[in-house]
Amino acid sequence: MAEYKVMNTNEFSVYQFFKGGGQEKVREFVSGEEAVKAFHHYTNNVASRVGITERVIITDGGDCINMEWIHGKGVTFPHELAVDPKAEAEAEADMKKIVVDFHTKEDGE
């Protein structure tokens, strides 16, 4: 019979991997919520935008990868969260246009 480890709520870790092969554990034994907040931070900071950080992952207590982000690709796992970077950039440009149009219309009234 297979045994399954029951994880407590503070068994997530977040790692970032650098260009050139180094890595850093940026969070250890944190809640899922804290892990996702750190994941968001490390995938949206300056180092990730310019390519110094090449990969960020969240692992659970069983060392399974729960989320993965890769520079130039965005979130690649889980697949339900994966976004096409080109489509994301187009959506962001559309949102900026909507905001500009809104303010232009508002100023014209």
PDB file of N, CA and C in Angstrom:
ATOM      1  N   MET A   1       0.842  -1.177   0.000  1.00  0.00           N
ATOM      2  CA  MET A   1       0.000   0.000   0.000  1.00  0.00           C
ATOM      3  C   MET A   1       0.889   1.242   0.000  1.00  0.00           C
ATOM      4  N   ALA A   2       0.558   2.175  -0.855  1.00  0.00           N
ATOM      5  CA  ALA A   2       1.337   3.412  -0.962  1.00  0.00           C
ATOM      6  C   ALA A   2       1.091   4.309   0.237  1.00  0.00           C
ATOM      7  N   GLU A   3       2.165   4.952   0.678  1.00  0.00           N
ATOM      8  CA  GLU A   3       2.037   5.916   1.768  1.00  0.00           C
ATOM      9  C   GLU A   3       2.151   7.319   1.182  1.00  0.00           C
ATOM     10  N   TYR A   4       1.313   8.204   1.652  1.00  0.00           N
ATOM     11  CA  TYR A   4       1.337   9.579   1.194  1.00  0.00           C
ATOM     12  C   TYR A   4       1.654  10.480   2.365  1.00  0.00           C
ATOM     13  N   LYS A   5       2.585  11.376   2.144  1.00  0.00           N
ATOM     14  CA  LYS A   5       2.955  12.334   3.171  1.00  0.00           C
ATOM     15  C   LYS A   5       1.915  13.440   3.211  1.00  0.00           C
ATOM     16  N   VAL A   6       1.410  13.725   4.385  1.00  0.00           N
ATOM     17  CA  VAL A   6       0.479  14.832   4.554  1.00  0.00           C
ATOM     18  C   VAL A   6       1.305  16.069   4.855  1.00  0.00           C
ATOM     19  N   MET A   7       1.196  17.061   3.981  1.00  0.00           N
ATOM     20  CA  MET A   7       1.985  18.275   4.145  1.00  0.00           C
ATOM     21  C   MET A   7       1.276  19.254   5.071  1.00  0.00           C
ATOM     22  N   ASN A   8       2.069  19.923   5.893  1.00  0.00           N
ATOM     23  CA  ASN A   8       1.456  20.996   6.664  1.00  0.00           C
ATOM     24  C   ASN A   8       1.432  22.234   5.786  1.00  0.00           C
ATOM     25  N   THR A   9       0.896  23.302   6.294  1.00  0.00           N
ATOM     26  CA  THR A   9       0.691  24.487   5.458  1.00  0.00           C
ATOM     27  C   THR A   9       1.966  25.273   5.183  1.00  0.00           C
ATOM     28  N   ASN A  10       3.049  24.988   5.878  1.00  0.00           N
ATOM     29  CA  ASN A  10       4.279  25.763   5.701  1.00  0.00           C
ATOM     30  C   ASN A  10       5.411  24.910   5.123  1.00  0.00           C
ATOM     31  N   GLU A  11       5.115  24.225   4.047  1.00  0.00           N
ATOM     32  CA  GLU A  11       6.136  23.365   3.452  1.00  0.00           C
ATOM     33  C   GLU A  11       6.487  23.760   2.032  1.00  0.00           C
ATOM     34  N   PHE A  12       6.383  25.039   1.695  1.00  0.00           N
ATOM     35  CA  PHE A  12       6.721  25.476   0.352  1.00  0.00           C
ATOM     36  C   PHE A  12       8.027  26.255   0.370  1.00  0.00           C
ATOM     37  N   SER A  13       8.794  26.097  -0.708  1.00  0.00           N
ATOM     38  CA  SER A  13      10.041  26.838  -0.881  1.00  0.00           C
ATOM     39  C   SER A  13      10.028  27.479  -2.258  1.00  0.00           C
ATOM     40  N   VAL A  14      10.753  28.588  -2.375  1.00  0.00           N
ATOM     41  CA  VAL A  14      10.850  29.313  -3.642  1.00  0.00           C
ATOM     42  C   VAL A  14      12.331  29.474  -3.972  1.00  0.00           C
ATOM     43  N   TYR A  15      12.675  29.139  -5.211  1.00  0.00           N
ATOM     44  CA  TYR A  15      14.054  29.243  -5.688  1.00  0.00           C
ATOM     45  C   TYR A  15      14.106  30.127  -6.918  1.00  0.00           C
ATOM     46  N   GLN A  16      15.214  30.866  -7.056  1.00  0.00           N
ATOM     47  CA  GLN A  16      15.474  31.564  -8.311  1.00  0.00           C
ATOM     48  C   GLN A  16      16.815  31.067  -8.837  1.00  0.00           C
ATOM     49  N   PHE A  17      16.873  30.928 -10.157  1.00  0.00           N
ATOM     50  CA  PHE A  17      18.063  30.430 -10.840  1.00  0.00           C
ATOM     51  C   PHE A  17      18.600  31.544 -11.732  1.00  0.00           C
ATOM     52  N   PHE A  18      19.920  31.703 -11.719  1.00  0.00           N
ATOM     53  CA  PHE A  18      20.542  32.826 -12.403  1.00  0.00           C
ATOM     54  C   PHE A  18      21.236  32.422 -13.690  1.00  0.00           C
ATOM     55  N   LYS A  19      21.384  33.412 -14.549  1.00  0.00           N
ATOM     56  CA  LYS A  19      22.190  33.250 -15.753  1.00  0.00           C
ATOM     57  C   LYS A  19      23.593  32.855 -15.294  1.00  0.00           C
ATOM     58  N   GLY A  20      24.145  31.839 -15.857  1.00  0.00           N
ATOM     59  CA  GLY A  20      25.470  31.392 -15.455  1.00  0.00           C
ATOM     60  C   GLY A  20      25.455  30.212 -14.500  1.00  0.00           C
ATOM     61  N   GLY A  21      24.262  29.812 -14.028  1.00  0.00           N
ATOM     62  CA  GLY A  21      24.160  28.575 -13.266  1.00  0.00           C
ATOM     63  C   GLY A  21      23.940  28.661 -11.775  1.00  0.00           C
ATOM     64  N   GLY A  22      24.047  29.822 -11.170  1.00  0.00           N
ATOM     65  CA  GLY A  22      23.825  29.908  -9.733  1.00  0.00           C
ATOM     66  C   GLY A  22      22.349  29.826  -9.383  1.00  0.00           C
ATOM     67  N   GLN A  23      22.073  29.583  -8.118  1.00  0.00           N
ATOM     68  CA  GLN A  23      20.690  29.568  -7.644  1.00  0.00           C
ATOM     69  C   GLN A  23      20.632  30.080  -6.218  1.00  0.00           C
ATOM     70  N   GLU A  24      19.432  30.483  -5.812  1.00  0.00           N
ATOM     71  CA  GLU A  24      19.219  30.996  -4.453  1.00  0.00           C
ATOM     72  C   GLU A  24      17.856  30.542  -3.967  1.00  0.00           C
ATOM     73  N   LYS A  25      17.834  30.011  -2.734  1.00  0.00           N
ATOM     74  CA  LYS A  25      16.558  29.689  -2.096  1.00  0.00           C
ATOM     75  C   LYS A  25      16.089  30.978  -1.437  1.00  0.00           C
ATOM     76  N   VAL A  26      14.993  31.569  -1.951  1.00  0.00           N
ATOM     77  CA  VAL A  26      14.562  32.873  -1.453  1.00  0.00           C
ATOM     78  C   VAL A  26      13.487  32.765  -0.379  1.00  0.00           C
ATOM     79  N   ARG A  27      12.819  31.631  -0.289  1.00  0.00           N
ATOM     80  CA  ARG A  27      11.859  31.353   0.785  1.00  0.00           C
ATOM     81  C   ARG A  27      11.935  29.867   1.106  1.00  0.00           C
ATOM     82  N   GLU A  28      11.787  29.539   2.400  1.00  0.00           N
ATOM     83  CA  GLU A  28      11.818  28.145   2.825  1.00  0.00           C
ATOM     84  C   GLU A  28      10.792  27.949   3.934  1.00  0.00           C
ATOM     85  N   PHE A  29      10.063  26.854   3.855  1.00  0.00           N
ATOM     86  CA  PHE A  29       9.051  26.497   4.851  1.00  0.00           C
ATOM     87  C   PHE A  29       8.036  27.618   5.074  1.00  0.00           C
ATOM     88  N   VAL A  30       7.477  28.104   3.961  1.00  0.00           N
ATOM     89  CA  VAL A  30       6.461  29.150   4.044  1.00  0.00           C
ATOM     90  C   VAL A  30       5.120  28.600   3.575  1.00  0.00           C
ATOM     91  N   SER A  31       4.064  29.342   3.840  1.00  0.00           N
ATOM     92  CA  SER A  31       2.724  28.950   3.397  1.00  0.00           C
ATOM     93  C   SER A  31       2.625  29.072   1.877  1.00  0.00           C
ATOM     94  N   GLY A  32       1.611  28.466   1.314  1.00  0.00           N
ATOM     95  CA  GLY A  32       1.361  28.577  -0.115  1.00  0.00           C
ATOM     96  C   GLY A  32       1.163  30.018  -0.524  1.00  0.00           C
ATOM     97  N   GLU A  33       0.450  30.771   0.297  1.00  0.00           N
ATOM     98  CA  GLU A  33       0.199  32.183  -0.004  1.00  0.00           C
ATOM     99  C   GLU A  33       1.497  32.981  -0.049  1.00  0.00           C
ATOM    100  N   GLU A  34       2.362  32.777   0.933  1.00  0.00           N
ATOM    101  CA  GLU A  34       3.642  33.484   0.966  1.00  0.00           C
ATOM    102  C   GLU A  34       4.519  33.059  -0.206  1.00  0.00           C
ATOM    103  N   ALA A  35       4.479  31.783  -0.565  1.00  0.00           N
ATOM    104  CA  ALA A  35       5.263  31.291  -1.702  1.00  0.00           C
ATOM    105  C   ALA A  35       4.813  31.953  -3.001  1.00  0.00           C
ATOM    106  N   VAL A  36       3.517  32.084  -3.193  1.00  0.00           N
ATOM    107  CA  VAL A  36       2.996  32.699  -4.420  1.00  0.00           C
ATOM    108  C   VAL A  36       3.345  34.186  -4.457  1.00  0.00           C
ATOM    109  N   LYS A  37       3.279  34.859  -3.310  1.00  0.00           N
ATOM    110  CA  LYS A  37       3.672  36.274  -3.264  1.00  0.00           C
ATOM    111  C   LYS A  37       5.138  36.433  -3.655  1.00  0.00           C
ATOM    112  N   ALA A  38       6.005  35.577  -3.107  1.00  0.00           N
ATOM    113  CA  ALA A  38       7.432  35.639  -3.442  1.00  0.00           C
ATOM    114  C   ALA A  38       7.649  35.305  -4.914  1.00  0.00           C
ATOM    115  N   PHE A  39       6.943  34.300  -5.418  1.00  0.00           N
ATOM    116  CA  PHE A  39       7.030  33.914  -6.834  1.00  0.00           C
ATOM    117  C   PHE A  39       6.692  35.106  -7.713  1.00  0.00           C
ATOM    118  N   HIS A  40       5.617  35.791  -7.379  1.00  0.00           N
ATOM    119  CA  HIS A  40       5.202  36.969  -8.149  1.00  0.00           C
ATOM    120  C   HIS A  40       6.286  38.049  -8.098  1.00  0.00           C
ATOM    121  N   HIS A  41       6.833  38.277  -6.922  1.00  0.00           N
ATOM    122  CA  HIS A  41       7.890  39.286  -6.780  1.00  0.00           C
ATOM    123  C   HIS A  41       9.102  38.944  -7.643  1.00  0.00           C
ATOM    124  N   TYR A  42       9.601  37.715  -7.518  1.00  0.00           N
ATOM    125  CA  TYR A  42      10.825  37.336  -8.210  1.00  0.00           C
ATOM    126  C   TYR A  42      10.640  37.122  -9.710  1.00  0.00           C
ATOM    127  N   THR A  43       9.405  37.052 -10.181  1.00  0.00           N
ATOM    128  CA  THR A  43       9.173  36.949 -11.620  1.00  0.00           C
ATOM    129  C   THR A  43       8.803  38.291 -12.244  1.00  0.00           C
ATOM    130  N   ASN A  44       8.721  39.333 -11.429  1.00  0.00           N
ATOM    131  CA  ASN A  44       8.364  40.658 -11.932  1.00  0.00           C
ATOM    132  C   ASN A  44       9.362  41.737 -11.534  1.00  0.00           C
ATOM    133  N   ASN A  45      10.481  41.360 -10.945  1.00  0.00           N
ATOM    134  CA  ASN A  45      11.454  42.373 -10.537  1.00  0.00           C
ATOM    135  C   ASN A  45      12.419  42.692 -11.682  1.00  0.00           C
ATOM    136  N   VAL A  46      13.326  43.620 -11.459  1.00  0.00           N
ATOM    137  CA  VAL A  46      14.252  44.061 -12.494  1.00  0.00           C
ATOM    138  C   VAL A  46      15.128  42.907 -12.980  1.00  0.00           C
ATOM    139  N   ALA A  47      15.635  42.094 -12.059  1.00  0.00           N
ATOM    140  CA  ALA A  47      16.526  40.983 -12.441  1.00  0.00           C
ATOM    141  C   ALA A  47      15.838  40.016 -13.397  1.00  0.00           C
ATOM    142  N   SER A  48      14.557  39.760 -13.182  1.00  0.00           N
ATOM    143  CA  SER A  48      13.835  38.842 -14.076  1.00  0.00           C
ATOM    144  C   SER A  48      13.535  39.496 -15.415  1.00  0.00           C
ATOM    145  N   ARG A  49      13.286  40.782 -15.400  1.00  0.00           N
ATOM    146  CA  ARG A  49      12.956  41.490 -16.650  1.00  0.00           C
ATOM    147  C   ARG A  49      14.153  41.604 -17.594  1.00  0.00           C
ATOM    148  N   VAL A  50      15.355  41.753 -17.027  1.00  0.00           N
ATOM    149  CA  VAL A  50      16.534  41.897 -17.880  1.00  0.00           C
ATOM    150  C   VAL A  50      17.254  40.567 -18.131  1.00  0.00           C
ATOM    151  N   GLY A  51      16.780  39.498 -17.514  1.00  0.00           N
ATOM    152  CA  GLY A  51      17.334  38.178 -17.789  1.00  0.00           C
ATOM    153  C   GLY A  51      18.410  37.699 -16.845  1.00  0.00           C
ATOM    154  N   ILE A  52      18.666  38.433 -15.767  1.00  0.00           N
ATOM    155  CA  ILE A  52      19.623  37.946 -14.768  1.00  0.00           C
ATOM    156  C   ILE A  52      19.043  36.707 -14.092  1.00  0.00           C
ATOM    157  N   THR A  53      17.778  36.790 -13.713  1.00  0.00           N
ATOM    158  CA  THR A  53      17.066  35.621 -13.206  1.00  0.00           C
ATOM    159  C   THR A  53      16.462  34.912 -14.401  1.00  0.00           C
ATOM    160  N   GLU A  54      16.811  33.637 -14.569  1.00  0.00           N
ATOM    161  CA  GLU A  54      16.328  32.879 -15.726  1.00  0.00           C
ATOM    162  C   GLU A  54      15.153  31.975 -15.402  1.00  0.00           C
ATOM    163  N   ARG A  55      15.009  31.605 -14.123  1.00  0.00           N
ATOM    164  CA  ARG A  55      13.958  30.651 -13.760  1.00  0.00           C
ATOM    165  C   ARG A  55      13.595  30.842 -12.299  1.00  0.00           C
ATOM    166  N   VAL A  56      12.311  30.694 -11.973  1.00  0.00           N
ATOM    167  CA  VAL A  56      11.826  30.742 -10.595  1.00  0.00           C
ATOM    168  C   VAL A  56      10.861  29.572 -10.427  1.00  0.00           C
ATOM    169  N   ILE A  57      10.990  28.854  -9.313  1.00  0.00           N
ATOM    170  CA  ILE A  57      10.078  27.730  -9.049  1.00  0.00           C
ATOM    171  C   ILE A  57       9.581  27.771  -7.611  1.00  0.00           C
ATOM    172  N   ILE A  58       8.410  27.168  -7.406  1.00  0.00           N
ATOM    173  CA  ILE A  58       7.894  26.868  -6.069  1.00  0.00           C
ATOM    174  C   ILE A  58       7.897  25.361  -5.945  1.00  0.00           C
ATOM    175  N   THR A  59       8.477  24.862  -4.854  1.00  0.00           N
ATOM    176  CA  THR A  59       8.428  23.425  -4.580  1.00  0.00           C
ATOM    177  C   THR A  59       7.667  23.188  -3.288  1.00  0.00           C
ATOM    178  N   ASP A  60       7.116  21.979  -3.172  1.00  0.00           N
ATOM    179  CA  ASP A  60       6.415  21.619  -1.936  1.00  0.00           C
ATOM    180  C   ASP A  60       7.324  20.734  -1.083  1.00  0.00           C
ATOM    181  N   GLY A  61       6.794  20.254   0.030  1.00  0.00           N
ATOM    182  CA  GLY A  61       7.570  19.442   0.964  1.00  0.00           C
ATOM    183  C   GLY A  61       8.095  18.148   0.367  1.00  0.00           C
ATOM    184  N   GLY A  62       7.502  17.688  -0.725  1.00  0.00           N
ATOM    185  CA  GLY A  62       7.964  16.480  -1.398  1.00  0.00           C
ATOM    186  C   GLY A  62       8.903  16.784  -2.551  1.00  0.00           C
ATOM    187  N   ASP A  63       9.382  18.027  -2.649  1.00  0.00           N
ATOM    188  CA  ASP A  63      10.264  18.499  -3.719  1.00  0.00           C
ATOM    189  C   ASP A  63       9.632  18.425  -5.103  1.00  0.00           C
ATOM    190  N   CYS A  64       8.317  18.468  -5.161  1.00  0.00           N
ATOM    191  CA  CYS A  64       7.624  18.544  -6.453  1.00  0.00           C
ATOM    192  C   CYS A  64       7.492  20.012  -6.840  1.00  0.00           C
ATOM    193  N   ILE A  65       7.665  20.295  -8.116  1.00  0.00           N
ATOM    194  CA  ILE A  65       7.512  21.667  -8.598  1.00  0.00           C
ATOM    195  C   ILE A  65       6.026  21.971  -8.719  1.00  0.00           C
ATOM    196  N   ASN A  66       5.584  23.037  -8.060  1.00  0.00           N
ATOM    197  CA  ASN A  66       4.185  23.456  -8.105  1.00  0.00           C
ATOM    198  C   ASN A  66       3.951  24.601  -9.078  1.00  0.00           C
ATOM    199  N   MET A  67       4.961  25.443  -9.271  1.00  0.00           N
ATOM    200  CA  MET A  67       4.892  26.543 -10.240  1.00  0.00           C
ATOM    201  C   MET A  67       6.283  26.746 -10.818  1.00  0.00           C
ATOM    202  N   GLU A  68       6.315  27.147 -12.096  1.00  0.00           N
ATOM    203  CA  GLU A  68       7.594  27.430 -12.743  1.00  0.00           C
ATOM    204  C   GLU A  68       7.425  28.611 -13.682  1.00  0.00           C
ATOM    205  N   TRP A  69       8.402  29.504 -13.653  1.00  0.00           N
ATOM    206  CA  TRP A  69       8.483  30.648 -14.570  1.00  0.00           C
ATOM    207  C   TRP A  69       9.847  30.591 -15.222  1.00  0.00           C
ATOM    208  N   ILE A  70       9.897  30.843 -16.538  1.00  0.00           N
ATOM    209  CA  ILE A  70      11.156  30.871 -17.278  1.00  0.00           C
ATOM    210  C   ILE A  70      11.226  32.193 -18.040  1.00  0.00           C
ATOM    211  N   HIS A  71      12.385  32.857 -17.936  1.00  0.00           N
ATOM    212  CA  HIS A  71      12.582  34.136 -18.623  1.00  0.00           C
ATOM    213  C   HIS A  71      12.307  33.978 -20.121  1.00  0.00           C
ATOM    214  N   GLY A  72      11.525  34.875 -20.663  1.00  0.00           N
ATOM    215  CA  GLY A  72      11.202  34.849 -22.082  1.00  0.00           C
ATOM    216  C   GLY A  72      10.004  33.979 -22.425  1.00  0.00           C
ATOM    217  N   LYS A  73       9.586  33.138 -21.479  1.00  0.00           N
ATOM    218  CA  LYS A  73       8.427  32.268 -21.712  1.00  0.00           C
ATOM    219  C   LYS A  73       7.282  32.579 -20.761  1.00  0.00           C
ATOM    220  N   GLY A  74       7.598  33.109 -19.592  1.00  0.00           N
ATOM    221  CA  GLY A  74       6.572  33.358 -18.586  1.00  0.00           C
ATOM    222  C   GLY A  74       6.311  32.114 -17.760  1.00  0.00           C
ATOM    223  N   VAL A  75       5.126  32.024 -17.181  1.00  0.00           N
ATOM    224  CA  VAL A  75       4.758  30.860 -16.370  1.00  0.00           C
ATOM    225  C   VAL A  75       4.578  29.675 -17.314  1.00  0.00           C
ATOM    226  N   THR A  76       5.318  28.612 -17.035  1.00  0.00           N
ATOM    227  CA  THR A  76       5.241  27.422 -17.881  1.00  0.00           C
ATOM    228  C   THR A  76       4.555  26.256 -17.185  1.00  0.00           C
ATOM    229  N   PHE A  77       4.425  26.329 -15.871  1.00  0.00           N
ATOM    230  CA  PHE A  77       3.754  25.276 -15.111  1.00  0.00           C
ATOM    231  C   PHE A  77       3.147  25.884 -13.870  1.00  0.00           C
ATOM    232  N   PRO A  78       1.941  25.540 -13.508  1.00  0.00           N
ATOM    233  CA  PRO A  78       1.059  24.576 -14.178  1.00  0.00           C
ATOM    234  C   PRO A  78       0.554  25.145 -15.509  1.00  0.00           C
ATOM    235  N   HIS A  79       0.230  24.255 -16.398  1.00  0.00           N
ATOM    236  CA  HIS A  79      -0.155  24.647 -17.752  1.00  0.00           C
ATOM    237  C   HIS A  79      -1.381  25.556 -17.777  1.00  0.00           C
ATOM    238  N   GLU A  80      -2.248  25.426 -16.786  1.00  0.00           N
ATOM    239  CA  GLU A  80      -3.456  26.261 -16.731  1.00  0.00           C
ATOM    240  C   GLU A  80      -3.108  27.737 -16.555  1.00  0.00           C
ATOM    241  N   LEU A  81      -1.941  28.012 -15.986  1.00  0.00           N
ATOM    242  CA  LEU A  81      -1.517  29.401 -15.751  1.00  0.00           C
ATOM    243  C   LEU A  81      -0.581  29.919 -16.832  1.00  0.00           C
ATOM    244  N   ALA A  82      -0.142  29.036 -17.717  1.00  0.00           N
ATOM    245  CA  ALA A  82       0.800  29.446 -18.760  1.00  0.00           C
ATOM    246  C   ALA A  82       0.156  30.475 -19.679  1.00  0.00           C
ATOM    247  N   VAL A  83       0.908  31.521 -19.962  1.00  0.00           N
ATOM    248  CA  VAL A  83       0.429  32.608 -20.808  1.00  0.00           C
ATOM    249  C   VAL A  83       1.442  32.822 -21.925  1.00  0.00           C
ATOM    250  N   ASP A  84       0.962  33.003 -23.127  1.00  0.00           N
ATOM    251  CA  ASP A  84       1.819  33.320 -24.253  1.00  0.00           C
ATOM    252  C   ASP A  84       2.327  34.742 -24.060  1.00  0.00           C
ATOM    253  N   PRO A  85       3.666  34.953 -23.931  1.00  0.00           N
ATOM    254  CA  PRO A  85       4.197  36.303 -23.692  1.00  0.00           C
ATOM    255  C   PRO A  85       3.764  37.312 -24.754  1.00  0.00           C
ATOM    256  N   LYS A  86       3.681  36.886 -26.015  1.00  0.00           N
ATOM    257  CA  LYS A  86       3.262  37.799 -27.082  1.00  0.00           C
ATOM    258  C   LYS A  86       1.812  38.224 -26.861  1.00  0.00           C
ATOM    259  N   ALA A  87       0.953  37.266 -26.526  1.00  0.00           N
ATOM    260  CA  ALA A  87      -0.453  37.585 -26.267  1.00  0.00           C
ATOM    261  C   ALA A  87      -0.573  38.477 -25.035  1.00  0.00           C
ATOM    262  N   GLU A  88       0.255  38.222 -24.030  1.00  0.00           N
ATOM    263  CA  GLU A  88       0.235  39.039 -22.814  1.00  0.00           C
ATOM    264  C   GLU A  88       0.646  40.477 -23.136  1.00  0.00           C
ATOM    265  N   ALA A  89       1.680  40.658 -23.963  1.00  0.00           N
ATOM    266  CA  ALA A  89       2.131  41.996 -24.346  1.00  0.00           C
ATOM    267  C   ALA A  89       1.050  42.719 -25.147  1.00  0.00           C
ATOM    268  N   GLU A  90       0.378  41.989 -26.032  1.00  0.00           N
ATOM    269  CA  GLU A  90      -0.704  42.592 -26.814  1.00  0.00           C
ATOM    270  C   GLU A  90      -1.864  43.007 -25.913  1.00  0.00           C
ATOM    271  N   ALA A  91      -2.196  42.175 -24.934  1.00  0.00           N
ATOM    272  CA  ALA A  91      -3.274  42.502 -23.995  1.00  0.00           C
ATOM    273  C   ALA A  91      -2.910  43.727 -23.166  1.00  0.00           C
ATOM    274  N   GLU A  92      -1.645  43.817 -22.757  1.00  0.00           N
ATOM    275  CA  GLU A  92      -1.196  44.977 -21.979  1.00  0.00           C
ATOM    276  C   GLU A  92      -1.286  46.251 -22.827  1.00  0.00           C
ATOM    277  N   ALA A  93      -0.895  46.160 -24.096  1.00  0.00           N
ATOM    278  CA  ALA A  93      -0.987  47.317 -24.998  1.00  0.00           C
ATOM    279  C   ALA A  93      -2.443  47.725 -25.197  1.00  0.00           C
ATOM    280  N   ASP A  94      -3.342  46.738 -25.327  1.00  0.00           N
ATOM    281  CA  ASP A  94      -4.771  47.033 -25.461  1.00  0.00           C
ATOM    282  C   ASP A  94      -5.305  47.745 -24.227  1.00  0.00           C
ATOM    283  N   MET A  95      -4.882  47.283 -23.037  1.00  0.00           N
ATOM    284  CA  MET A  95      -5.333  47.915 -21.789  1.00  0.00           C
ATOM    285  C   MET A  95      -4.842  49.361 -21.711  1.00  0.00           C
ATOM    286  N   LYS A  96      -3.598  49.602 -22.102  1.00  0.00           N
ATOM    287  CA  LYS A  96      -3.076  50.970 -22.081  1.00  0.00           C
ATOM    288  C   LYS A  96      -3.871  51.866 -23.020  1.00  0.00           C
ATOM    289  N   LYS A  97      -4.225  51.341 -24.178  1.00  0.00           N
ATOM    290  CA  LYS A  97      -5.014  52.111 -25.143  1.00  0.00           C
ATOM    291  C   LYS A  97      -6.388  52.434 -24.555  1.00  0.00           C
ATOM    292  N   ILE A  98      -7.003  51.467 -23.891  1.00  0.00           N
ATOM    293  CA  ILE A  98      -8.317  51.691 -23.278  1.00  0.00           C
ATOM    294  C   ILE A  98      -8.217  52.794 -22.226  1.00  0.00           C
ATOM    295  N   VAL A  99      -7.180  52.748 -21.402  1.00  0.00           N
ATOM    296  CA  VAL A  99      -6.999  53.751 -20.348  1.00  0.00           C
ATOM    297  C   VAL A  99      -6.780  55.131 -20.967  1.00  0.00           C
ATOM    298  N   VAL A 100      -5.933  55.214 -21.990  1.00  0.00           N
ATOM    299  CA  VAL A 100      -5.673  56.497 -22.656  1.00  0.00           C
ATOM    300  C   VAL A 100      -6.957  57.021 -23.288  1.00  0.00           C
ATOM    301  N   ASP A 101      -7.688  56.149 -23.991  1.00  0.00           N
ATOM    302  CA  ASP A 101      -8.953  56.560 -24.609  1.00  0.00           C
ATOM    303  C   ASP A 101      -9.944  57.064 -23.565  1.00  0.00           C
ATOM    304  N   PHE A 102      -9.995  56.375 -22.429  1.00  0.00           N
ATOM    305  CA  PHE A 102     -10.906  56.766 -21.358  1.00  0.00           C
ATOM    306  C   PHE A 102     -10.563  58.158 -20.849  1.00  0.00           C
ATOM    307  N   HIS A 103      -9.288  58.384 -20.575  1.00  0.00           N
ATOM    308  CA  HIS A 103      -8.872  59.678 -20.050  1.00  0.00           C
ATOM    309  C   HIS A 103      -9.007  60.786 -21.089  1.00  0.00           C
ATOM    310  N   THR A 104      -8.767  60.459 -22.327  1.00  0.00           N
ATOM    311  CA  THR A 104      -8.932  61.448 -23.396  1.00  0.00           C
ATOM    312  C   THR A 104     -10.399  61.842 -23.505  1.00  0.00           C
ATOM    313  N   LYS A 105     -11.285  60.866 -23.452  1.00  0.00           N
ATOM    314  CA  LYS A 105     -12.718  61.142 -23.531  1.00  0.00           C
ATOM    315  C   LYS A 105     -13.162  61.940 -22.311  1.00  0.00           C
ATOM    316  N   GLU A 106     -12.652  61.546 -21.126  1.00  0.00           N
ATOM    317  CA  GLU A 106     -13.010  62.219 -19.870  1.00  0.00           C
ATOM    318  C   GLU A 106     -12.559  63.670 -19.883  1.00  0.00           C
ATOM    319  N   ASP A 107     -11.357  63.929 -20.400  1.00  0.00           N
ATOM    320  CA  ASP A 107     -10.827  65.301 -20.475  1.00  0.00           C
ATOM    321  C   ASP A 107     -11.584  66.146 -21.492  1.00  0.00           C
ATOM    322  N   GLY A 108     -12.119  65.494 -22.528  1.00  0.00           N
ATOM    323  CA  GLY A 108     -12.842  66.210 -23.579  1.00  0.00           C
ATOM    324  C   GLY A 108     -14.253  66.602 -23.203  1.00  0.00           C
ATOM    325  N   GLU A 109     -14.764  66.047 -22.137  1.00  0.00           N
ATOM    326  CA  GLU A 109     -16.141  66.350 -21.736  1.00  0.00           C
ATOM    327  C   GLU A 109     -16.229  67.556 -20.847  1.00  0.00           C
TER     328      GLU A 109
END
